[in-house]
Amino acid sequence: MKTSKSRARSSTLAHSPDKSDFRREVQDFMMAMNSYPDKVARDPGVSFQRHLFNVMGASRRSSGRRKYPR
């Protein structure tokens, strides 16, 4: 019985809107990881956290979606 409940739960998570948000966050993180060395070369004082937030903001603006209302 436990197995069937967990299978049903995992299949509903596969189609949840949170999964697309998670994928977007992973893509943004990977993009920031790949572009951080170039950013540091241009601006040695930038932290990874600041760069990540800038990448995430640009990604949100380009997709036209806002995660949080203004």
Protein backbone atom coordinates (compact mmCIF):
# COMPACT_ATOMS: atom_id res chain seq x y z
CA MET A 1 0.00 0.00 0.00
CA LYS A 2 2.79 2.43 0.86
CA THR A 3 4.42 1.89 -2.52
CA SER A 4 1.34 2.80 -4.52
CA LYS A 5 0.85 6.02 -2.53
CA SER A 6 4.42 7.13 -3.10
CA ARG A 7 4.19 6.33 -6.80
CA ALA A 8 1.03 8.38 -7.14
CA ARG A 9 2.63 11.26 -5.29
CA SER A 10 5.76 11.23 -7.47
CA SER A 11 3.76 11.17 -10.69
CA THR A 12 1.74 14.21 -9.63
CA LEU A 13 4.94 16.08 -8.77
CA ALA A 14 6.23 15.43 -12.27
CA HIS A 15 3.44 17.60 -13.65
CA SER A 16 3.34 20.29 -10.99
CA PRO A 17 4.15 23.94 -11.77
CA ASP A 18 6.84 23.82 -9.07
CA LYS A 19 8.87 21.48 -11.24
CA SER A 20 9.19 24.08 -13.99
CA ASP A 21 10.23 26.66 -11.38
CA PHE A 22 12.86 24.23 -10.12
CA ARG A 23 14.17 23.65 -13.65
CA ARG A 24 14.38 27.40 -14.25
CA GLU A 25 16.36 27.86 -11.03
CA VAL A 26 18.78 25.08 -11.97
CA GLN A 27 19.24 26.56 -15.45
CA ASP A 28 19.87 30.01 -13.96
CA PHE A 29 22.41 28.56 -11.51
CA MET A 30 24.25 26.69 -14.25
CA MET A 31 24.28 29.78 -16.45
CA ALA A 32 25.73 31.81 -13.56
CA MET A 33 28.37 29.13 -12.89
CA ASN A 34 29.45 29.14 -16.53
CA SER A 35 29.54 32.92 -16.89
CA TYR A 36 31.06 33.81 -13.50
CA PRO A 37 34.74 33.54 -14.54
CA ASP A 38 34.20 36.06 -17.35
CA LYS A 39 32.28 38.36 -15.01
CA VAL A 40 35.06 38.23 -12.39
CA ALA A 41 37.64 39.00 -15.09
CA ARG A 42 35.70 42.19 -15.95
CA ASP A 43 34.67 43.06 -12.38
CA PRO A 44 36.91 41.42 -9.74
CA GLY A 45 34.79 42.69 -6.85
CA VAL A 46 31.56 40.93 -7.82
CA SER A 47 30.49 38.05 -5.59
CA PHE A 48 28.98 34.89 -7.01
CA GLN A 49 25.78 35.60 -5.10
CA ARG A 50 25.40 39.04 -6.72
CA HIS A 51 26.17 37.58 -10.15
CA LEU A 52 23.63 34.79 -9.61
CA PHE A 53 20.93 37.28 -8.63
CA ASN A 54 21.69 39.35 -11.72
CA VAL A 55 21.45 36.26 -13.93
CA MET A 56 18.18 35.24 -12.28
CA GLY A 57 16.75 38.74 -12.71
CA ALA A 58 17.70 38.84 -16.39
CA SER A 59 16.18 35.41 -16.90
CA ARG A 60 12.91 36.46 -15.25
CA ARG A 61 12.73 39.68 -17.27
CA SER A 62 13.38 37.89 -20.57
CA SER A 63 10.74 35.26 -19.89
CA GLY A 64 8.17 37.86 -18.91
CA ARG A 65 7.39 36.02 -15.69
CA ARG A 66 7.69 37.40 -12.21
CA LYS A 67 7.92 34.96 -9.36
CA TYR A 68 6.83 37.55 -6.78
CA PRO A 69 4.30 40.34 -7.26
CA ARG A 70 5.55 43.90 -6.97
